[in-house]
């Protein structure tokens, strides 16, 4: 079936693309606006990008960006390690009791609305008496990043035939040697892709972070939100454009790394 031949398909596609990407394009264009107004064009200028790094709010944004970066690195690394172990169990572990339930549990954060996860996570931390702050953000980010790391890793493993490991075992390799020397190198593109995806999901998260961050703790998305509540300023558009470019770059890298791994296997 060629969906492009259906009446109205092209118009609906164009409308969806405009609704999704037109606001991003507008924000990007006006981040180069030389005027202090967010609606009046005052000529092309880099002043608001300089303001992000040297302006009066620069120390706040730098501290928030550092928090976001370190949290994303910790969360992505931990989530990728857990997701790799989970993918090994699910794809190479054969049949076991509760396999379907385990798969549903791993992917639960993808199906449950983020606001529900945020409220449930906050209630959990309050119940066990854990003070909200940096640690609670890291724990929450690790939890919801696991399925994002798991999906590309599991997809990669499903494309690797088991006979590679079987051949290694026939040549007297131990299970660990077969995994370390044969399976793991073949999994690397999927692992990198999952890591990058988990990293950018953690870096860009706002809803869950806003619930579990506690007073005095800011990440870049929550710092941006705090500034927007006082009024939209051109430097916010510059920060948003930088985050948009970084997100697009990392997602593109993830896609091409995963694709190159598939081509190499083929």
Protein backbone atom coordinates (compact mmCIF):
# COMPACT_ATOMS: atom_id res chain seq x y z
CA UNK A 1 0.00 0.00 0.00
CA UNK A 2 1.34 3.40 -1.02
CA UNK A 3 -0.01 5.90 1.52
CA UNK A 4 1.09 8.79 -0.66
CA UNK A 5 -1.70 7.95 -3.11
CA UNK A 6 -4.46 8.43 -0.53
CA UNK A 7 -6.42 11.70 -0.95
CA UNK A 8 -5.36 14.32 1.56
CA UNK A 9 -2.25 12.46 2.72
CA UNK A 10 0.15 15.13 1.44
CA UNK A 11 -1.88 17.98 2.96
CA UNK A 12 -2.06 16.27 6.37
CA UNK A 13 1.67 15.53 6.27
CA UNK A 14 2.55 19.14 5.46
CA UNK A 15 0.18 20.42 8.19
CA UNK A 16 1.76 18.12 10.79
CA UNK A 17 5.28 19.19 9.81
CA UNK A 18 4.34 22.88 9.97
CA UNK A 19 2.69 22.51 13.39
CA UNK A 20 5.67 20.58 14.77
CA UNK A 21 8.57 22.53 13.29
CA UNK A 22 7.35 26.06 12.56
CA UNK A 23 7.62 27.14 16.23
CA UNK A 24 11.17 25.75 16.39
CA UNK A 25 12.13 27.65 13.25
CA UNK A 26 10.65 30.88 14.63
CA UNK A 27 12.55 30.50 17.92
CA UNK A 28 15.78 29.80 16.03
CA UNK A 29 15.37 32.84 13.76
CA UNK A 30 14.54 35.24 16.59
CA UNK A 31 17.47 34.02 18.66
CA UNK A 32 19.58 36.03 16.17
CA UNK A 33 17.42 39.12 16.59
CA UNK A 34 19.39 42.22 17.51
CA UNK A 35 16.40 43.84 19.19
CA UNK A 36 15.40 43.42 22.83
CA UNK A 37 11.86 42.72 21.64
CA UNK A 38 10.92 39.12 20.88
CA UNK A 39 8.47 40.19 18.17
CA UNK A 40 10.25 43.08 16.41
CA UNK A 41 13.15 42.24 14.12
CA UNK A 42 16.15 44.47 14.81
CA UNK A 43 18.69 42.94 12.45
CA UNK A 44 20.97 39.93 12.62
CA UNK A 45 23.06 39.72 15.77
CA UNK A 46 24.90 37.25 17.99
CA UNK A 47 24.36 39.40 21.12
CA UNK A 48 21.98 37.02 22.87
CA UNK A 49 24.33 34.06 22.45
CA UNK A 50 27.06 36.18 24.04
CA UNK A 51 24.58 37.15 26.77
CA UNK A 52 24.03 33.47 27.59
CA UNK A 53 27.72 33.12 28.54
CA UNK A 54 28.54 36.63 29.80
CA UNK A 55 25.23 38.25 30.77
CA UNK A 56 23.79 38.78 34.26
CA UNK A 57 22.05 35.39 34.22
CA UNK A 58 25.11 33.54 32.92
CA UNK A 59 26.24 32.11 36.32
CA UNK A 60 22.79 30.66 36.92
CA UNK A 61 22.60 29.09 33.49
CA UNK A 62 26.16 27.76 33.72
CA UNK A 63 25.43 26.06 37.07
CA UNK A 64 22.18 24.62 35.70
CA UNK A 65 23.91 23.41 32.52
CA UNK A 66 26.62 21.71 34.59
CA UNK A 67 23.97 19.95 36.69
CA UNK A 68 22.14 18.83 33.54
CA UNK A 69 25.33 17.56 31.93
CA UNK A 70 26.58 15.58 34.94
CA UNK A 71 23.14 14.12 35.66
CA UNK A 72 22.74 13.10 32.02
CA UNK A 73 26.18 11.45 31.97
CA UNK A 74 25.51 9.46 35.17
CA UNK A 75 21.96 8.53 34.19
CA UNK A 76 22.87 7.52 30.62
CA UNK A 77 25.86 5.43 31.73
CA UNK A 78 23.95 3.59 34.44
CA UNK A 79 20.81 3.14 32.36
CA UNK A 80 22.83 1.81 29.41
CA UNK A 81 24.59 -0.75 31.62
CA UNK A 82 21.25 -1.93 33.05
CA UNK A 83 19.64 -1.93 29.60
CA UNK A 84 22.51 -4.01 28.17
CA UNK A 85 22.11 -6.61 30.92
CA UNK A 86 18.34 -6.60 30.38
CA UNK A 87 18.74 -7.04 26.62
CA UNK A 88 21.10 -9.98 27.15
CA UNK A 89 18.55 -11.64 29.43
CA UNK A 90 15.56 -10.93 27.19
CA UNK A 91 17.16 -11.74 23.82
CA UNK A 92 19.74 -14.40 24.73
CA UNK A 93 18.20 -15.75 27.91
CA UNK A 94 15.73 -18.04 26.22
CA UNK A 95 12.30 -18.63 27.70
CA UNK A 96 11.74 -18.02 31.39
CA UNK A 97 8.75 -17.45 33.63
CA UNK A 98 7.60 -13.85 33.62
CA UNK A 99 9.42 -12.86 30.45
CA UNK A 100 6.46 -10.97 29.00
CA UNK A 101 5.83 -9.25 32.32
CA UNK A 102 9.50 -8.25 32.48
CA UNK A 103 9.36 -6.83 28.97
CA UNK A 104 6.24 -4.82 29.89
CA UNK A 105 7.95 -3.56 33.06
CA UNK A 106 11.04 -2.41 31.16
CA UNK A 107 8.90 -0.47 28.68
CA UNK A 108 6.43 0.87 31.23
CA UNK A 109 7.96 4.39 31.36
CA UNK A 110 7.29 4.71 27.62
CA UNK A 111 3.58 3.93 28.00
CA UNK A 112 2.73 5.77 31.22
CA UNK A 113 2.20 9.57 30.96
CA UNK A 114 5.26 11.43 32.21
CA UNK A 115 3.24 13.46 34.71
CA UNK A 116 2.05 10.23 36.33
CA UNK A 117 5.64 8.98 36.61
CA UNK A 118 6.68 12.31 38.11
CA UNK A 119 3.98 12.24 40.79
CA UNK A 120 4.58 8.57 41.59
CA UNK A 121 8.34 9.13 41.86
CA UNK A 122 7.88 12.11 44.19
CA UNK A 123 5.49 10.10 46.41
CA UNK A 124 7.99 7.22 46.50
CA UNK A 125 10.85 9.48 47.59
CA UNK A 126 8.64 11.10 50.24
CA UNK A 127 7.56 7.68 51.51
CA UNK A 128 11.10 6.41 52.03
CA UNK A 129 12.18 9.74 53.50
CA UNK A 130 14.67 10.68 50.77
CA UNK A 131 15.25 14.43 50.52
CA UNK A 132 14.70 15.75 47.01
CA UNK A 133 17.77 17.13 45.29
CA UNK A 134 20.59 16.03 43.00
CA UNK A 135 20.41 12.37 44.05
CA UNK A 136 16.67 12.05 43.51
CA UNK A 137 17.01 13.54 40.02
CA UNK A 138 19.75 11.04 39.15
CA UNK A 139 17.67 8.08 40.40
CA UNK A 140 14.56 9.26 38.55
CA UNK A 141 16.50 9.85 35.32
CA UNK A 142 18.14 6.43 35.47
CA UNK A 143 14.72 4.82 35.84
CA UNK A 144 13.00 6.47 32.88
CA UNK A 145 16.10 6.34 30.65
CA UNK A 146 16.36 2.53 30.82
CA UNK A 147 13.72 1.80 28.13
CA UNK A 148 15.19 4.41 25.78
CA UNK A 149 18.59 2.73 26.05
CA UNK A 150 17.08 -0.76 25.95
CA UNK A 151 15.22 -0.48 22.63
CA UNK A 152 18.19 0.13 20.27
CA UNK A 153 20.39 -2.34 22.19
CA UNK A 154 17.76 -5.08 22.05
CA UNK A 155 17.07 -4.34 18.38
CA UNK A 156 20.77 -4.65 17.64
CA UNK A 157 21.04 -7.94 19.53
CA UNK A 158 18.04 -9.39 17.70
CA UNK A 159 19.91 -8.75 14.44
CA UNK A 160 22.96 -10.73 15.59
CA UNK A 161 22.71 -14.43 14.86
CA UNK A 162 23.44 -16.77 17.77
CA UNK A 163 25.76 -18.94 15.66
CA UNK A 164 28.62 -16.45 16.17
CA UNK A 165 28.68 -17.25 19.86
CA UNK A 166 28.08 -20.95 19.20
CA UNK A 167 31.10 -21.06 16.90
CA UNK A 168 33.20 -19.40 19.60
CA UNK A 169 32.03 -21.94 22.18
CA UNK A 170 32.85 -24.78 19.76
CA UNK A 171 36.38 -23.37 19.65
CA UNK A 172 36.62 -23.74 23.45
CA UNK A 173 35.84 -20.15 24.38
CA UNK A 174 34.16 -19.64 27.73
CA UNK A 175 30.81 -17.84 27.95
CA UNK A 176 32.58 -14.69 29.11
CA UNK A 177 35.10 -14.87 26.27
CA UNK A 178 32.34 -15.44 23.72
CA UNK A 179 30.51 -12.41 25.07
CA UNK A 180 33.56 -10.14 25.43
CA UNK A 181 35.30 -11.03 22.16
CA UNK A 182 32.38 -11.84 19.86
CA UNK A 183 29.00 -10.53 20.99
CA UNK A 184 30.02 -7.27 22.68
CA UNK A 185 31.92 -5.83 19.68
CA UNK A 186 28.91 -6.59 17.49
CA UNK A 187 26.64 -4.86 20.03
CA UNK A 188 28.72 -1.67 20.24
CA UNK A 189 26.73 0.37 17.66
CA UNK A 190 23.48 -0.44 19.48
CA UNK A 191 25.01 0.35 22.87
CA UNK A 192 26.35 3.71 21.67
CA UNK A 193 23.03 4.51 20.04
CA UNK A 194 21.15 3.64 23.24
CA UNK A 195 23.59 5.67 25.35
CA UNK A 196 23.21 8.77 23.19
CA UNK A 197 19.43 8.47 23.20
CA UNK A 198 19.32 8.07 26.98
CA UNK A 199 21.72 11.01 27.38
CA UNK A 200 19.61 13.42 25.36
CA UNK A 201 16.36 12.26 27.01
CA UNK A 202 17.89 12.96 30.43
CA UNK A 203 19.40 16.27 29.32
CA UNK A 204 16.09 17.58 27.96
CA UNK A 205 13.73 16.30 30.66
CA UNK A 206 11.65 18.88 32.49
CA UNK A 207 8.46 17.40 33.98
CA UNK A 208 9.96 14.66 36.16
CA UNK A 209 12.95 16.83 37.07
CA UNK A 210 10.70 19.70 38.14
CA UNK A 211 8.87 17.39 40.56
CA UNK A 212 11.89 15.75 42.20
CA UNK A 213 14.58 18.47 42.10
CA UNK A 214 13.85 20.13 45.43
CA UNK A 215 14.43 23.77 46.40
CA UNK A 216 17.61 25.44 45.18
CA UNK A 217 18.41 22.72 42.65
CA UNK A 218 18.19 23.60 38.97
CA UNK A 219 18.83 21.89 35.68
CA UNK A 220 18.92 23.77 32.40
CA UNK A 221 15.29 23.02 31.42
CA UNK A 222 13.97 24.06 34.86
CA UNK A 223 16.16 27.19 34.83
CA UNK A 224 14.72 28.11 31.43
CA UNK A 225 11.20 27.54 32.74
CA UNK A 226 11.92 29.76 35.75
CA UNK A 227 13.14 32.56 33.50
CA UNK A 228 10.15 32.23 31.15
CA UNK A 229 7.73 32.72 34.08
CA UNK A 230 9.22 36.21 34.47
CA UNK A 231 8.73 36.92 30.77
CA UNK A 232 10.17 35.56 27.54
CA UNK A 233 13.53 37.19 26.82
CA UNK A 234 15.69 36.85 23.69
CA UNK A 235 18.48 35.07 25.60
CA UNK A 236 16.00 32.26 26.37
CA UNK A 237 15.55 31.80 22.64
CA UNK A 238 19.33 31.54 22.25
CA UNK A 239 19.58 28.88 24.97
CA UNK A 240 16.65 27.01 23.44
CA UNK A 241 18.33 27.07 20.03
CA UNK A 242 21.57 25.72 21.51
CA UNK A 243 19.70 22.88 23.21
CA UNK A 244 17.75 22.18 20.02
CA UNK A 245 20.96 21.98 17.98
CA UNK A 246 22.61 19.72 20.55
CA UNK A 247 19.58 17.42 20.68
CA UNK A 248 19.38 17.20 16.89
CA UNK A 249 23.12 16.46 16.66
CA UNK A 250 23.01 13.65 19.24
CA UNK A 251 19.88 12.04 17.76
CA UNK A 252 21.46 12.19 14.28
CA UNK A 253 24.66 10.60 15.59
CA UNK A 254 22.62 7.88 17.28
CA UNK A 255 20.79 7.15 14.03
CA UNK A 256 23.90 6.98 11.85
CA UNK A 257 25.89 4.89 14.35
CA UNK A 258 23.07 2.37 14.57
CA UNK A 259 22.69 2.37 10.78
CA UNK A 260 26.42 1.89 10.20
CA UNK A 261 26.36 -1.07 12.57
CA UNK A 262 23.55 -2.67 10.60
CA UNK A 263 25.42 -2.14 7.32
CA UNK A 264 28.62 -3.59 8.77
CA UNK A 265 26.76 -6.68 9.96
CA UNK A 266 25.15 -7.07 6.51
